[in-house]
Amino acid sequence: MTSRRPYPSDLSDARWELIEPVLTAWQARRRQGALGFGRPPEHDLRRLMDAILYVDRTGVPWRYLPHDFPPNQTVYGYFAQWQRDGVFTQLTGLLRRLVREAEGRGAEPSACVLDSQTVKTSANVPRAGQGADAGKRIIGRKRHLGCDTLGLLLTVLVTAASVSDTAAGTTLLTRIAAAHPRVTKAWVDAGYRTRAIDHGARLGIDVQPVTRPPGRRGFVLIPQRWTIERSIGWLMHHRRLARDYETHPHRSEALIQLAVIDLMTRRLTGETTPNWRGT
């Protein structure tokens, strides 16, 4: 049997050690639940995760997966099941805590940053799931992100592009307050209006809009918001996120979480993958 040549997106042994306990625990729960009913999951979890990361990093359609991966229907089935069972959310939280502790921070953040990104959609996205962002003149979807001050994902919400930052921001703040009760500060841009600020105050979170200095044009680095803008830039190294191809917005959210998982495992192990800049 010939050995398989790895792809740059494949998990290294060190990165797999970070992810494996969560997937193994999920597999054990599924096997226990399948006793006497249906077939328990028996596919190699590492190969499945490698295949999902390949799609996220390269942007290929599921049916275009190389043949040395498990069948594309199987890979997508596991991806969908892991999304439904909250596996990606669990991994995101675990790895975020590890990264924060590795950088000398507390496991739980006390402040966060909110921002959004509007992207075009592909032809297979239902019209009802799209909208027009009048400010950016884009018809598509909008990704609303909440990150800590290191730029690590706390929560994500994908909506039609017509949904305002204020409306989605109230949802993000509610989720963050419930999952991260230590958070008492949130920095946002000028797109978040009084409604989001008042909602944050009711949750015990001081929402502070941060604007560019008066009279400055072009790119201006604003420290309170740079971390999340940098994180959005990092997400774009995953070509599946260059446009929204997913029929369901919760699948889009899962692919964003998967990209963050990929980035955080590399951050913890000190590994890098060359991007289009050759770095």
C-alpha atoms as a PDB file:
ATOM      1  CA  MET A   1       0.000   0.000   0.000  1.00  0.00           C
ATOM      2  CA  THR A   2       1.503   3.328  -1.055  1.00  0.00           C
ATOM      3  CA  SER A   3       1.656   6.121   1.494  1.00  0.00           C
ATOM      4  CA  ARG A   4      -0.519   9.155   0.836  1.00  0.00           C
ATOM      5  CA  ARG A   5       1.217  12.480   0.225  1.00  0.00           C
ATOM      6  CA  PRO A   6      -0.162  15.072   2.667  1.00  0.00           C
ATOM      7  CA  TYR A   7      -1.768  18.337   1.576  1.00  0.00           C
ATOM      8  CA  PRO A   8      -0.657  21.662   3.119  1.00  0.00           C
ATOM      9  CA  SER A   9      -4.044  21.914   4.839  1.00  0.00           C
ATOM     10  CA  ASP A  10      -3.682  18.524   6.589  1.00  0.00           C
ATOM     11  CA  LEU A  11      -3.427  18.423  10.358  1.00  0.00           C
ATOM     12  CA  SER A  12       0.028  17.789  11.762  1.00  0.00           C
ATOM     13  CA  ASP A  13       0.394  15.368  14.663  1.00  0.00           C
ATOM     14  CA  ALA A  14       0.678  18.296  17.094  1.00  0.00           C
ATOM     15  CA  ARG A  15      -2.462  19.999  15.769  1.00  0.00           C
ATOM     16  CA  TRP A  16      -4.383  16.719  15.764  1.00  0.00           C
ATOM     17  CA  GLU A  17      -3.530  16.216  19.452  1.00  0.00           C
ATOM     18  CA  LEU A  18      -5.358  19.476  20.205  1.00  0.00           C
ATOM     19  CA  ILE A  19      -8.502  18.454  18.312  1.00  0.00           C
ATOM     20  CA  GLU A  20      -8.635  14.684  18.786  1.00  0.00           C
ATOM     21  CA  PRO A  21     -10.064  14.533  22.362  1.00  0.00           C
ATOM     22  CA  VAL A  22     -13.198  16.505  21.386  1.00  0.00           C
ATOM     23  CA  LEU A  23     -13.851  14.426  18.267  1.00  0.00           C
ATOM     24  CA  THR A  24     -13.168  11.163  20.061  1.00  0.00           C
ATOM     25  CA  ALA A  25     -15.605  12.104  22.836  1.00  0.00           C
ATOM     26  CA  TRP A  26     -18.216  12.971  20.182  1.00  0.00           C
ATOM     27  CA  GLN A  27     -17.650   9.606  18.478  1.00  0.00           C
ATOM     28  CA  ALA A  28     -18.055   7.771  21.797  1.00  0.00           C
ATOM     29  CA  ARG A  29     -21.370   9.534  22.451  1.00  0.00           C
ATOM     30  CA  ARG A  30     -22.602   8.676  18.969  1.00  0.00           C
ATOM     31  CA  ARG A  31     -21.607   5.032  19.340  1.00  0.00           C
ATOM     32  CA  GLN A  32     -23.416   4.822  22.645  1.00  0.00           C
ATOM     33  CA  GLY A  33     -26.512   6.401  21.128  1.00  0.00           C
ATOM     34  CA  ALA A  34     -26.386   4.058  18.144  1.00  0.00           C
ATOM     35  CA  LEU A  35     -26.515   0.859  20.221  1.00  0.00           C
ATOM     36  CA  GLY A  36     -29.447  -1.161  18.937  1.00  0.00           C
ATOM     37  CA  PHE A  37     -30.375   1.487  16.354  1.00  0.00           C
ATOM     38  CA  GLY A  38     -28.579   2.504  13.188  1.00  0.00           C
ATOM     39  CA  ARG A  39     -24.865   2.325  12.470  1.00  0.00           C
ATOM     40  CA  PRO A  40     -22.307   3.935  14.787  1.00  0.00           C
ATOM     41  CA  PRO A  41     -19.698   6.282  13.219  1.00  0.00           C
ATOM     42  CA  GLU A  42     -16.634   4.280  12.204  1.00  0.00           C
ATOM     43  CA  HIS A  43     -14.778   6.538   9.750  1.00  0.00           C
ATOM     44  CA  ASP A  44     -11.296   7.836  10.583  1.00  0.00           C
ATOM     45  CA  LEU A  45     -11.904  11.169  12.304  1.00  0.00           C
ATOM     46  CA  ARG A  46      -8.560  12.688  11.347  1.00  0.00           C
ATOM     47  CA  ARG A  47      -9.077  11.958   7.654  1.00  0.00           C
ATOM     48  CA  LEU A  48     -12.549  13.490   7.831  1.00  0.00           C
ATOM     49  CA  MET A  49     -11.239  16.647   9.493  1.00  0.00           C
ATOM     50  CA  ASP A  50      -8.420  16.867   6.936  1.00  0.00           C
ATOM     51  CA  ALA A  51     -11.017  16.682   4.146  1.00  0.00           C
ATOM     52  CA  ILE A  52     -13.181  19.413   5.703  1.00  0.00           C
ATOM     53  CA  LEU A  53     -10.139  21.656   6.216  1.00  0.00           C
ATOM     54  CA  TYR A  54      -9.168  21.036   2.582  1.00  0.00           C
ATOM     55  CA  VAL A  55     -12.548  22.379   1.422  1.00  0.00           C
ATOM     56  CA  ASP A  56     -12.346  25.385   3.761  1.00  0.00           C
ATOM     57  CA  ARG A  57      -8.778  26.274   2.780  1.00  0.00           C
ATOM     58  CA  THR A  58      -8.939  25.654  -0.985  1.00  0.00           C
ATOM     59  CA  GLY A  59     -12.571  26.603  -1.644  1.00  0.00           C
ATOM     60  CA  VAL A  60     -13.393  23.590  -3.829  1.00  0.00           C
ATOM     61  CA  PRO A  61     -16.988  22.294  -3.952  1.00  0.00           C
ATOM     62  CA  TRP A  62     -17.603  19.253  -1.771  1.00  0.00           C
ATOM     63  CA  ARG A  63     -18.045  16.987  -4.797  1.00  0.00           C
ATOM     64  CA  TYR A  64     -14.589  18.031  -6.070  1.00  0.00           C
ATOM     65  CA  LEU A  65     -12.752  16.570  -3.077  1.00  0.00           C
ATOM     66  CA  PRO A  66      -9.730  14.490  -4.189  1.00  0.00           C
ATOM     67  CA  HIS A  67     -10.363  10.763  -4.294  1.00  0.00           C
ATOM     68  CA  ASP A  68      -7.816   9.968  -1.594  1.00  0.00           C
ATOM     69  CA  PHE A  69     -10.241  11.471   0.946  1.00  0.00           C
ATOM     70  CA  PRO A  70     -13.378   9.636   2.113  1.00  0.00           C
ATOM     71  CA  PRO A  71     -16.423  10.005  -0.223  1.00  0.00           C
ATOM     72  CA  ASN A  72     -17.615  13.600  -0.443  1.00  0.00           C
ATOM     73  CA  GLN A  73     -21.123  12.657   0.740  1.00  0.00           C
ATOM     74  CA  THR A  74     -19.606  11.131   3.869  1.00  0.00           C
ATOM     75  CA  VAL A  75     -17.368  14.134   4.513  1.00  0.00           C
ATOM     76  CA  TYR A  76     -20.225  16.614   4.153  1.00  0.00           C
ATOM     77  CA  GLY A  77     -22.453  14.428   6.312  1.00  0.00           C
ATOM     78  CA  TYR A  78     -19.939  14.542   9.146  1.00  0.00           C
ATOM     79  CA  PHE A  79     -19.419  18.288   8.679  1.00  0.00           C
ATOM     80  CA  ALA A  80     -23.183  18.873   8.943  1.00  0.00           C
ATOM     81  CA  GLN A  81     -23.507  16.583  11.966  1.00  0.00           C
ATOM     82  CA  TRP A  82     -20.600  18.231  13.783  1.00  0.00           C
ATOM     83  CA  GLN A  83     -22.220  21.600  13.131  1.00  0.00           C
ATOM     84  CA  ARG A  84     -25.568  20.409  14.511  1.00  0.00           C
ATOM     85  CA  ASP A  85     -23.937  18.822  17.567  1.00  0.00           C
ATOM     86  CA  GLY A  86     -21.928  21.969  18.404  1.00  0.00           C
ATOM     87  CA  VAL A  87     -18.529  20.331  17.891  1.00  0.00           C
ATOM     88  CA  PHE A  88     -17.052  23.366  16.096  1.00  0.00           C
ATOM     89  CA  THR A  89     -18.357  25.695  18.817  1.00  0.00           C
ATOM     90  CA  GLN A  90     -16.803  23.453  21.471  1.00  0.00           C
ATOM     91  CA  LEU A  91     -13.459  23.347  19.664  1.00  0.00           C
ATOM     92  CA  THR A  92     -13.464  27.125  19.180  1.00  0.00           C
ATOM     93  CA  GLY A  93     -13.995  27.695  22.898  1.00  0.00           C
ATOM     94  CA  LEU A  94     -11.372  25.149  23.970  1.00  0.00           C
ATOM     95  CA  LEU A  95      -8.682  26.443  21.615  1.00  0.00           C
ATOM     96  CA  ARG A  96      -9.431  30.077  22.445  1.00  0.00           C
ATOM     97  CA  ARG A  97      -8.851  29.372  26.137  1.00  0.00           C
ATOM     98  CA  LEU A  98      -5.580  27.584  25.340  1.00  0.00           C
ATOM     99  CA  VAL A  99      -4.345  30.469  23.173  1.00  0.00           C
ATOM    100  CA  ARG A 100      -5.237  33.058  25.802  1.00  0.00           C
ATOM    101  CA  GLU A 101      -3.464  31.118  28.542  1.00  0.00           C
ATOM    102  CA  ALA A 102      -0.427  30.571  26.292  1.00  0.00           C
ATOM    103  CA  GLU A 103      -0.198  34.348  25.851  1.00  0.00           C
ATOM    104  CA  GLY A 104      -0.469  35.086  29.552  1.00  0.00           C
ATOM    105  CA  ARG A 105      -4.136  36.093  29.570  1.00  0.00           C
ATOM    106  CA  GLY A 106      -6.995  34.799  31.670  1.00  0.00           C
ATOM    107  CA  ALA A 107      -8.989  31.957  30.136  1.00  0.00           C
ATOM    108  CA  GLU A 108     -12.095  34.180  29.887  1.00  0.00           C
ATOM    109  CA  PRO A 109     -12.034  37.656  28.319  1.00  0.00           C
ATOM    110  CA  SER A 110     -13.263  40.835  29.989  1.00  0.00           C
ATOM    111  CA  ALA A 111     -13.647  42.890  26.789  1.00  0.00           C
ATOM    112  CA  CYS A 112     -14.662  42.255  23.202  1.00  0.00           C
ATOM    113  CA  VAL A 113     -14.798  43.886  19.771  1.00  0.00           C
ATOM    114  CA  LEU A 114     -17.700  43.664  17.295  1.00  0.00           C
ATOM    115  CA  ASP A 115     -17.493  44.113  13.531  1.00  0.00           C
ATOM    116  CA  SER A 116     -19.054  42.811  10.329  1.00  0.00           C
ATOM    117  CA  GLN A 117     -18.029  41.834   6.814  1.00  0.00           C
ATOM    118  CA  THR A 118     -20.279  41.845   3.757  1.00  0.00           C
ATOM    119  CA  VAL A 119     -19.560  39.256   1.041  1.00  0.00           C
ATOM    120  CA  LYS A 120     -21.147  38.297  -2.239  1.00  0.00           C
ATOM    121  CA  THR A 121     -23.019  35.020  -2.512  1.00  0.00           C
ATOM    122  CA  SER A 122     -22.932  32.253  -5.101  1.00  0.00           C
ATOM    123  CA  ALA A 123     -25.819  31.252  -7.354  1.00  0.00           C
ATOM    124  CA  ASN A 124     -26.918  28.379  -5.108  1.00  0.00           C
ATOM    125  CA  VAL A 125     -27.742  30.650  -2.147  1.00  0.00           C
ATOM    126  CA  PRO A 126     -31.547  31.148  -1.932  1.00  0.00           C
ATOM    127  CA  ARG A 127     -32.755  34.640  -2.756  1.00  0.00           C
ATOM    128  CA  ALA A 128     -34.565  34.788   0.587  1.00  0.00           C
ATOM    129  CA  GLY A 129     -31.217  34.380   2.361  1.00  0.00           C
ATOM    130  CA  GLN A 130     -29.609  37.352   0.614  1.00  0.00           C
ATOM    131  CA  GLY A 131     -29.950  41.096   0.902  1.00  0.00           C
ATOM    132  CA  ALA A 132     -28.444  44.377  -0.225  1.00  0.00           C
ATOM    133  CA  ASP A 133     -25.858  46.269   1.802  1.00  0.00           C
ATOM    134  CA  ALA A 134     -26.574  49.805   0.609  1.00  0.00           C
ATOM    135  CA  GLY A 135     -23.394  51.231   2.131  1.00  0.00           C
ATOM    136  CA  LYS A 136     -21.060  48.779   0.406  1.00  0.00           C
ATOM    137  CA  ARG A 137     -23.297  48.257  -2.650  1.00  0.00           C
ATOM    138  CA  ILE A 138     -23.091  44.488  -2.319  1.00  0.00           C
ATOM    139  CA  ILE A 139     -25.882  41.960  -2.669  1.00  0.00           C
ATOM    140  CA  GLY A 140     -25.112  38.962  -0.504  1.00  0.00           C
ATOM    141  CA  ARG A 141     -24.688  38.075   3.145  1.00  0.00           C
ATOM    142  CA  LYS A 142     -23.118  39.720   6.145  1.00  0.00           C
ATOM    143  CA  ARG A 143     -20.876  38.056   8.726  1.00  0.00           C
ATOM    144  CA  HIS A 144     -21.209  39.564  12.189  1.00  0.00           C
ATOM    145  CA  LEU A 145     -18.278  38.690  14.447  1.00  0.00           C
ATOM    146  CA  GLY A 146     -17.578  39.132  18.123  1.00  0.00           C
ATOM    147  CA  CYS A 147     -13.920  38.635  19.150  1.00  0.00           C
ATOM    148  CA  ASP A 148     -11.833  39.128  22.260  1.00  0.00           C
ATOM    149  CA  THR A 149      -9.012  41.671  22.342  1.00  0.00           C
ATOM    150  CA  LEU A 150      -6.617  39.108  20.846  1.00  0.00           C
ATOM    151  CA  GLY A 151      -8.891  38.732  17.825  1.00  0.00           C
ATOM    152  CA  LEU A 152     -10.102  35.258  18.850  1.00  0.00           C
ATOM    153  CA  LEU A 153     -13.682  34.419  17.940  1.00  0.00           C
ATOM    154  CA  LEU A 154     -16.344  34.553  20.658  1.00  0.00           C
ATOM    155  CA  THR A 155     -19.446  34.289  18.481  1.00  0.00           C
ATOM    156  CA  VAL A 156     -20.510  34.602  14.843  1.00  0.00           C
ATOM    157  CA  LEU A 157     -23.837  35.318  13.148  1.00  0.00           C
ATOM    158  CA  VAL A 158     -24.435  35.156   9.375  1.00  0.00           C
ATOM    159  CA  THR A 159     -27.410  37.109   8.023  1.00  0.00           C
ATOM    160  CA  ALA A 160     -28.655  38.694   4.825  1.00  0.00           C
ATOM    161  CA  ALA A 161     -26.519  41.717   3.934  1.00  0.00           C
ATOM    162  CA  SER A 162     -29.512  43.981   4.510  1.00  0.00           C
ATOM    163  CA  VAL A 163     -29.489  43.286   8.272  1.00  0.00           C
ATOM    164  CA  SER A 164     -27.985  46.270  10.071  1.00  0.00           C
ATOM    165  CA  ASP A 165     -24.998  46.067  12.386  1.00  0.00           C
ATOM    166  CA  THR A 166     -27.201  47.382  15.189  1.00  0.00           C
ATOM    167  CA  ALA A 167     -29.821  44.645  14.800  1.00  0.00           C
ATOM    168  CA  ALA A 168     -27.229  41.856  14.623  1.00  0.00           C
ATOM    169  CA  GLY A 169     -25.127  43.518  17.308  1.00  0.00           C
ATOM    170  CA  THR A 170     -27.863  43.078  19.903  1.00  0.00           C
ATOM    171  CA  THR A 171     -27.848  39.327  19.178  1.00  0.00           C
ATOM    172  CA  LEU A 172     -24.050  39.166  19.440  1.00  0.00           C
ATOM    173  CA  LEU A 173     -24.087  41.033  22.748  1.00  0.00           C
ATOM    174  CA  THR A 174     -26.785  38.742  24.138  1.00  0.00           C
ATOM    175  CA  ARG A 175     -24.774  35.647  23.193  1.00  0.00           C
ATOM    176  CA  ILE A 176     -21.527  37.070  24.576  1.00  0.00           C
ATOM    177  CA  ALA A 177     -23.152  38.097  27.873  1.00  0.00           C
ATOM    178  CA  ALA A 178     -24.613  34.600  28.292  1.00  0.00           C
ATOM    179  CA  ALA A 179     -21.437  32.667  27.404  1.00  0.00           C
ATOM    180  CA  HIS A 180     -18.820  35.102  28.760  1.00  0.00           C
ATOM    181  CA  PRO A 181     -20.206  36.856  31.861  1.00  0.00           C
ATOM    182  CA  ARG A 182     -16.836  38.515  32.604  1.00  0.00           C
ATOM    183  CA  VAL A 183     -17.131  40.724  29.502  1.00  0.00           C
ATOM    184  CA  THR A 184     -18.007  44.283  30.554  1.00  0.00           C
ATOM    185  CA  LYS A 185     -16.635  46.289  27.608  1.00  0.00           C
ATOM    186  CA  ALA A 186     -17.283  46.192  23.867  1.00  0.00           C
ATOM    187  CA  TRP A 187     -15.709  48.358  21.175  1.00  0.00           C
ATOM    188  CA  VAL A 188     -17.675  48.872  17.954  1.00  0.00           C
ATOM    189  CA  ASP A 189     -17.571  51.114  14.908  1.00  0.00           C
ATOM    190  CA  ALA A 190     -19.954  53.960  14.112  1.00  0.00           C
ATOM    191  CA  GLY A 191     -22.421  51.572  12.432  1.00  0.00           C
ATOM    192  CA  TYR A 192     -23.678  50.402  15.826  1.00  0.00           C
ATOM    193  CA  ARG A 193     -26.370  52.823  16.922  1.00  0.00           C
ATOM    194  CA  THR A 194     -28.101  53.712  20.177  1.00  0.00           C
ATOM    195  CA  ARG A 195     -30.194  50.538  20.232  1.00  0.00           C
ATOM    196  CA  ALA A 196     -27.114  48.316  20.484  1.00  0.00           C
ATOM    197  CA  ILE A 197     -25.500  50.614  23.055  1.00  0.00           C
ATOM    198  CA  ASP A 198     -28.627  50.608  25.234  1.00  0.00           C
ATOM    199  CA  HIS A 199     -28.973  46.836  24.893  1.00  0.00           C
ATOM    200  CA  GLY A 200     -25.376  46.391  26.004  1.00  0.00           C
ATOM    201  CA  ALA A 201     -26.006  48.604  29.035  1.00  0.00           C
ATOM    202  CA  ARG A 202     -28.937  46.397  30.062  1.00  0.00           C
ATOM    203  CA  LEU A 203     -26.586  43.390  29.862  1.00  0.00           C
ATOM    204  CA  GLY A 204     -23.875  45.123  31.890  1.00  0.00           C
ATOM    205  CA  ILE A 205     -21.634  45.717  28.870  1.00  0.00           C
ATOM    206  CA  ASP A 206     -20.311  49.206  28.124  1.00  0.00           C
ATOM    207  CA  VAL A 207     -20.570  49.510  24.321  1.00  0.00           C
ATOM    208  CA  GLN A 208     -18.213  52.210  23.066  1.00  0.00           C
ATOM    209  CA  PRO A 209     -18.234  53.316  19.407  1.00  0.00           C
ATOM    210  CA  VAL A 210     -14.751  54.060  18.081  1.00  0.00           C
ATOM    211  CA  THR A 211     -14.396  56.337  15.056  1.00  0.00           C
ATOM    212  CA  ARG A 212     -11.437  57.397  12.952  1.00  0.00           C
ATOM    213  CA  PRO A 213      -9.701  60.671  13.889  1.00  0.00           C
ATOM    214  CA  PRO A 214     -11.349  63.744  12.292  1.00  0.00           C
ATOM    215  CA  GLY A 215      -9.874  64.850   8.990  1.00  0.00           C
ATOM    216  CA  ARG A 216      -7.990  61.580   8.360  1.00  0.00           C
ATOM    217  CA  ARG A 217      -8.548  59.824   5.028  1.00  0.00           C
ATOM    218  CA  GLY A 218      -7.608  56.390   3.749  1.00  0.00           C
ATOM    219  CA  PHE A 219      -6.467  53.575   5.996  1.00  0.00           C
ATOM    220  CA  VAL A 220      -6.136  54.507   9.647  1.00  0.00           C
ATOM    221  CA  LEU A 221      -5.090  51.941  12.263  1.00  0.00           C
ATOM    222  CA  ILE A 222      -7.489  52.181  15.210  1.00  0.00           C
ATOM    223  CA  PRO A 223      -6.041  50.054  18.057  1.00  0.00           C
ATOM    224  CA  GLN A 224      -9.378  49.128  19.660  1.00  0.00           C
ATOM    225  CA  ARG A 225     -10.672  47.685  16.373  1.00  0.00           C
ATOM    226  CA  TRP A 226      -7.501  46.504  14.657  1.00  0.00           C
ATOM    227  CA  THR A 227      -7.542  43.040  16.235  1.00  0.00           C
ATOM    228  CA  ILE A 228     -10.898  42.049  14.748  1.00  0.00           C
ATOM    229  CA  GLU A 229     -10.124  43.644  11.372  1.00  0.00           C
ATOM    230  CA  ARG A 230      -6.887  41.654  11.297  1.00  0.00           C
ATOM    231  CA  SER A 231      -8.813  38.484  12.160  1.00  0.00           C
ATOM    232  CA  ILE A 232     -11.230  39.077   9.276  1.00  0.00           C
ATOM    233  CA  GLY A 233      -8.195  39.412   7.023  1.00  0.00           C
ATOM    234  CA  TRP A 234      -6.827  36.113   8.316  1.00  0.00           C
ATOM    235  CA  LEU A 235     -10.141  34.408   7.534  1.00  0.00           C
ATOM    236  CA  MET A 236      -9.724  35.392   3.891  1.00  0.00           C
ATOM    237  CA  HIS A 237      -6.770  32.989   3.588  1.00  0.00           C
ATOM    238  CA  HIS A 238      -9.492  30.322   3.535  1.00  0.00           C
ATOM    239  CA  ARG A 239     -10.820  30.535  -0.010  1.00  0.00           C
ATOM    240  CA  ARG A 240     -14.174  29.002   0.859  1.00  0.00           C
ATOM    241  CA  LEU A 241     -14.858  32.274   2.724  1.00  0.00           C
ATOM    242  CA  ALA A 242     -13.976  34.595  -0.181  1.00  0.00           C
ATOM    243  CA  ARG A 243     -17.640  34.306  -1.168  1.00  0.00           C
ATOM    244  CA  ASP A 244     -20.595  32.729   0.634  1.00  0.00           C
ATOM    245  CA  TYR A 245     -21.374  29.430  -1.126  1.00  0.00           C
ATOM    246  CA  GLU A 246     -23.521  27.834   1.567  1.00  0.00           C
ATOM    247  CA  THR A 247     -27.245  27.259   1.146  1.00  0.00           C
ATOM    248  CA  HIS A 248     -27.816  27.582   4.897  1.00  0.00           C
ATOM    249  CA  PRO A 249     -26.320  30.450   6.947  1.00  0.00           C
ATOM    250  CA  HIS A 250     -25.551  28.149   9.902  1.00  0.00           C
ATOM    251  CA  ARG A 251     -23.248  26.174   7.594  1.00  0.00           C
ATOM    252  CA  SER A 252     -21.487  29.455   6.763  1.00  0.00           C
ATOM    253  CA  GLU A 253     -21.032  30.082  10.476  1.00  0.00           C
ATOM    254  CA  ALA A 254     -19.521  26.605  10.871  1.00  0.00           C
ATOM    255  CA  LEU A 255     -16.984  27.239   8.096  1.00  0.00           C
ATOM    256  CA  ILE A 256     -15.948  30.484   9.792  1.00  0.00           C
ATOM    257  CA  GLN A 257     -15.492  28.597  13.060  1.00  0.00           C
ATOM    258  CA  LEU A 258     -13.500  25.956  11.195  1.00  0.00           C
ATOM    259  CA  ALA A 259     -11.166  28.606   9.764  1.00  0.00           C
ATOM    260  CA  VAL A 260     -10.657  30.027  13.259  1.00  0.00           C
ATOM    261  CA  ILE A 261      -9.949  26.509  14.574  1.00  0.00           C
ATOM    262  CA  ASP A 262      -7.357  26.086  11.820  1.00  0.00           C
ATOM    263  CA  LEU A 263      -5.731  29.417  12.718  1.00  0.00           C
ATOM    264  CA  MET A 264      -5.696  28.794  16.471  1.00  0.00           C
ATOM    265  CA  THR A 265      -4.186  25.312  16.214  1.00  0.00           C
ATOM    266  CA  ARG A 266      -1.392  26.757  14.073  1.00  0.00           C
ATOM    267  CA  ARG A 267      -0.928  29.580  16.559  1.00  0.00           C
ATOM    268  CA  LEU A 268      -0.577  27.090  19.413  1.00  0.00           C
ATOM    269  CA  THR A 269       1.890  24.841  17.551  1.00  0.00           C
ATOM    270  CA  GLY A 270       3.848  27.597  15.799  1.00  0.00           C
ATOM    271  CA  GLU A 271       3.044  26.239  12.327  1.00  0.00           C
ATOM    272  CA  THR A 272       2.390  28.292   9.210  1.00  0.00           C
ATOM    273  CA  THR A 273       1.165  27.632   5.696  1.00  0.00           C
ATOM    274  CA  PRO A 274       2.301  29.798   2.753  1.00  0.00           C
ATOM    275  CA  ASN A 275      -0.457  32.028   1.398  1.00  0.00           C
ATOM    276  CA  TRP A 276      -0.693  33.812  -1.938  1.00  0.00           C
ATOM    277  CA  ARG A 277       1.908  36.337  -0.738  1.00  0.00           C
ATOM    278  CA  GLY A 278       4.365  33.464  -0.237  1.00  0.00           C
ATOM    279  CA  THR A 279       4.596  34.025   3.532  1.00  0.00           C
END
